[in-house]
């Protein structure tokens, strides 16, 4: 299966919670003061982003938008695990997802909805796929409109930190500790090499299907 020809991929709504709390990180670091709370909080976010990039998985609910120039046969969602949802209070998305909008032959914006059975979401597939019902065809799009196909979806293991697999939460704690101890590299913007133990924890969750 060939890769989906992505025009652009962006985050519509950032996650509202991190996979570990400030208190959990400080307990792991054995820090009992608040002088460095801002630094530790920033390291938690940086560690989460690193784990997500390494594994190509989203940890807590995040909303994405992908633009395509044309409809491929099947649409790969490059951030998993994908979820199907009605209007989502966590992300603030006020419509059912996944949602596909496209510019038709007249360059008018049209909408396809998962809830309306215009297409199917194969959650068990790796990566998740948006596919047509049997014998269906994707609509034609306006050829002069770049990014004529717009796909919104939500990815993540859940809304709460506890929904994230424990090995990935441990990897984040270890990575925060590593960077906390190597703060000169952090301050210089050159994060030092990730410990092998962290890589080992992440490896089992790597989604290699987008290579």
Protein backbone atom coordinates (compact mmCIF):
# COMPACT_ATOMS: atom_id res chain seq x y z
CA UNK A 1 0.00 0.00 0.00
CA UNK A 2 1.48 3.35 -1.00
CA UNK A 3 1.66 6.22 1.44
CA UNK A 4 -1.08 8.83 1.54
CA UNK A 5 0.19 11.91 -0.40
CA UNK A 6 -0.04 14.48 2.40
CA UNK A 7 -0.08 18.16 1.48
CA UNK A 8 0.11 19.27 5.11
CA UNK A 9 -0.50 17.99 8.64
CA UNK A 10 -1.28 20.28 11.56
CA UNK A 11 -2.51 20.13 15.14
CA UNK A 12 -5.98 21.63 15.54
CA UNK A 13 -6.13 21.24 19.32
CA UNK A 14 -3.15 20.49 21.57
CA UNK A 15 -3.57 17.92 24.37
CA UNK A 16 -5.02 19.33 27.58
CA UNK A 17 -3.17 16.92 29.88
CA UNK A 18 0.33 15.47 29.87
CA UNK A 19 1.00 11.74 30.37
CA UNK A 20 2.55 12.44 33.78
CA UNK A 21 1.81 15.19 36.28
CA UNK A 22 4.25 17.68 37.75
CA UNK A 23 3.87 15.92 41.10
CA UNK A 24 4.75 12.54 39.55
CA UNK A 25 7.80 13.99 37.85
CA UNK A 26 9.01 15.69 41.04
CA UNK A 27 8.54 12.46 43.00
CA UNK A 28 10.64 10.62 40.42
CA UNK A 29 13.28 13.37 40.57
CA UNK A 30 13.11 13.52 44.39
CA UNK A 31 12.54 17.26 44.20
CA UNK A 32 10.59 18.68 47.14
CA UNK A 33 10.67 22.41 46.31
CA UNK A 34 8.85 24.52 43.73
CA UNK A 35 11.79 26.59 42.51
CA UNK A 36 12.11 24.56 39.30
CA UNK A 37 8.47 23.76 38.61
CA UNK A 38 8.52 25.72 35.34
CA UNK A 39 11.60 23.83 34.12
CA UNK A 40 10.18 20.42 35.06
CA UNK A 41 6.84 21.23 33.44
CA UNK A 42 8.64 22.19 30.22
CA UNK A 43 10.67 18.97 30.34
CA UNK A 44 7.47 16.91 30.69
CA UNK A 45 6.08 18.47 27.51
CA UNK A 46 9.39 18.03 25.68
CA UNK A 47 9.55 14.38 26.74
CA UNK A 48 5.98 13.75 25.60
CA UNK A 49 6.71 15.33 22.21
CA UNK A 50 9.86 13.22 21.86
CA UNK A 51 7.99 9.99 22.66
CA UNK A 52 5.21 10.88 20.22
CA UNK A 53 7.66 11.63 17.42
CA UNK A 54 9.68 8.49 18.08
CA UNK A 55 6.67 6.18 18.22
CA UNK A 56 4.46 8.13 15.79
CA UNK A 57 1.66 7.72 18.31
CA UNK A 58 -0.37 10.35 20.13
CA UNK A 59 -0.59 9.82 23.88
CA UNK A 60 -3.57 11.89 25.07
CA UNK A 61 -6.43 13.23 22.97
CA UNK A 62 -5.20 15.63 20.29
CA UNK A 63 -7.09 16.90 17.24
CA UNK A 64 -5.37 16.88 13.84
CA UNK A 65 -6.06 18.21 10.37
CA UNK A 66 -4.53 16.72 7.24
CA UNK A 67 -4.79 18.26 3.78
CA UNK A 68 -4.54 16.20 0.59
CA UNK A 69 -4.61 17.36 -3.01
CA UNK A 70 -6.67 14.35 -4.16
CA UNK A 71 -8.43 11.36 -2.66
CA UNK A 72 -6.18 8.27 -2.52
CA UNK A 73 -7.78 4.82 -2.62
CA UNK A 74 -7.52 4.46 1.16
CA UNK A 75 -6.63 7.31 3.50
CA UNK A 76 -3.95 6.60 6.08
CA UNK A 77 -4.19 8.59 9.29
CA UNK A 78 -0.55 9.32 10.18
CA UNK A 79 -1.25 9.82 13.89
CA UNK A 80 -2.67 6.95 15.90
CA UNK A 81 -4.46 5.54 17.81
CA UNK A 82 -7.41 7.19 16.09
CA UNK A 83 -10.79 7.43 17.78
CA UNK A 84 -14.28 8.01 16.47
CA UNK A 85 -16.15 10.62 18.45
CA UNK A 86 -19.19 12.82 18.45
CA UNK A 87 -18.67 16.46 19.45
CA UNK A 88 -15.70 16.11 21.80
CA UNK A 89 -15.63 18.06 25.05
CA UNK A 90 -11.95 17.30 25.69
CA UNK A 91 -10.64 18.82 22.47
CA UNK A 92 -13.50 21.27 21.98
CA UNK A 93 -14.22 19.88 18.50
CA UNK A 94 -17.91 20.59 17.94
CA UNK A 95 -18.54 18.01 15.20
CA UNK A 96 -18.28 14.26 14.79
CA UNK A 97 -14.87 12.95 13.81
CA UNK A 98 -13.31 11.71 11.66
CA UNK A 99 -14.69 14.29 9.24
CA UNK A 100 -13.78 14.77 5.60
CA UNK A 101 -14.43 17.99 3.71
CA UNK A 102 -13.50 18.56 0.08
CA UNK A 103 -13.83 21.08 -2.73
CA UNK A 104 -15.98 19.60 -5.48
CA UNK A 105 -15.78 20.17 -9.25
CA UNK A 106 -17.37 23.60 -8.77
CA UNK A 107 -14.82 24.50 -6.05
CA UNK A 108 -17.60 24.38 -3.44
CA UNK A 109 -16.89 22.95 0.00
CA UNK A 110 -18.71 19.67 0.74
CA UNK A 111 -18.71 17.45 3.84
CA UNK A 112 -18.53 13.70 4.34
CA UNK A 113 -19.18 12.35 7.84
CA UNK A 114 -18.21 9.14 9.55
CA UNK A 115 -21.48 9.25 11.49
CA UNK A 116 -23.35 9.51 8.18
CA UNK A 117 -21.68 6.33 6.87
CA UNK A 118 -20.08 8.14 3.92
CA UNK A 119 -16.88 6.26 4.76
CA UNK A 120 -15.55 3.75 7.28
CA UNK A 121 -12.80 4.00 9.89
CA UNK A 122 -10.69 0.86 10.30
CA UNK A 123 -9.40 1.31 13.84
CA UNK A 124 -7.74 -2.11 14.02
CA UNK A 125 -5.57 -1.36 11.02
CA UNK A 126 -2.04 -0.09 11.55
CA UNK A 127 -2.13 2.76 10.63
CA UNK A 128 -5.85 3.54 10.98
CA UNK A 129 -7.54 3.82 7.59
CA UNK A 130 -10.47 5.75 6.21
CA UNK A 131 -12.03 3.64 3.47
CA UNK A 132 -15.10 3.71 1.29
CA UNK A 133 -18.03 1.36 1.78
CA UNK A 134 -17.99 -1.58 -0.64
CA UNK A 135 -18.19 -0.58 -4.31
CA UNK A 136 -18.07 3.13 -3.48
CA UNK A 137 -16.00 5.87 -5.08
CA UNK A 138 -14.49 8.97 -3.57
CA UNK A 139 -15.91 12.16 -5.06
CA UNK A 140 -13.89 14.10 -7.61
CA UNK A 141 -12.23 17.29 -6.43
CA UNK A 142 -11.47 20.64 -7.98
CA UNK A 143 -8.09 20.14 -9.62
CA UNK A 144 -6.97 23.75 -9.24
CA UNK A 145 -7.36 23.73 -5.46
CA UNK A 146 -4.30 22.59 -3.52
CA UNK A 147 -5.25 20.83 -0.31
CA UNK A 148 -8.70 20.18 -1.76
CA UNK A 149 -9.33 17.35 0.73
CA UNK A 150 -9.45 18.24 4.45
CA UNK A 151 -9.52 15.49 7.08
CA UNK A 152 -10.01 16.13 10.80
CA UNK A 153 -9.66 13.43 13.43
CA UNK A 154 -8.80 12.85 17.07
CA UNK A 155 -5.95 10.58 18.14
CA UNK A 156 -4.77 9.43 21.54
CA UNK A 157 -5.10 6.65 24.09
CA UNK A 158 -7.61 8.69 26.10
CA UNK A 159 -8.40 11.96 27.82
CA UNK A 160 -6.57 11.11 31.06
CA UNK A 161 -2.91 10.45 31.78
CA UNK A 162 -3.86 7.05 33.22
CA UNK A 163 -5.01 5.91 29.77
CA UNK A 164 -1.45 6.07 28.40
CA UNK A 165 0.42 2.72 28.46
CA UNK A 166 2.61 2.49 31.55
CA UNK A 167 5.86 1.79 29.64
CA UNK A 168 5.46 5.10 27.81
CA UNK A 169 4.70 6.96 31.03
CA UNK A 170 7.83 5.43 32.57
CA UNK A 171 9.84 6.44 29.48
CA UNK A 172 8.67 10.03 29.95
CA UNK A 173 9.65 10.03 33.63
CA UNK A 174 13.08 8.65 32.77
CA UNK A 175 13.56 11.14 29.96
CA UNK A 176 12.57 14.06 32.20
CA UNK A 177 15.11 12.86 34.78
CA UNK A 178 17.81 12.49 32.14
CA UNK A 179 17.29 15.99 30.78
CA UNK A 180 16.94 17.44 34.28
CA UNK A 181 20.38 16.08 35.12
CA UNK A 182 21.79 17.25 31.76
CA UNK A 183 20.33 20.74 31.95
CA UNK A 184 23.34 22.40 30.32
CA UNK A 185 22.49 20.58 27.09
CA UNK A 186 18.83 21.52 27.51
CA UNK A 187 19.67 25.19 28.07
CA UNK A 188 21.86 25.17 24.96
CA UNK A 189 19.04 23.65 22.91
CA UNK A 190 21.04 20.50 22.22
CA UNK A 191 19.29 17.66 24.02
CA UNK A 192 21.79 14.95 24.87
CA UNK A 193 21.39 11.43 23.54
CA UNK A 194 18.38 9.52 24.84
CA UNK A 195 19.30 6.64 27.19
CA UNK A 196 18.98 3.13 25.77
CA UNK A 197 16.51 2.19 28.50
CA UNK A 198 14.14 4.91 27.28
CA UNK A 199 14.51 3.75 23.69
CA UNK A 200 13.77 0.18 24.73
CA UNK A 201 10.55 1.23 26.45
CA UNK A 202 9.42 3.16 23.38
CA UNK A 203 10.44 0.56 20.82
CA UNK A 204 7.51 -1.78 21.41
CA UNK A 205 5.11 1.06 20.55
CA UNK A 206 6.78 2.34 17.40
CA UNK A 207 4.35 2.57 14.50
CA UNK A 208 6.65 1.79 11.59
CA UNK A 209 3.86 1.68 9.05
CA UNK A 210 4.45 5.22 7.75
CA UNK A 211 8.01 4.70 6.51
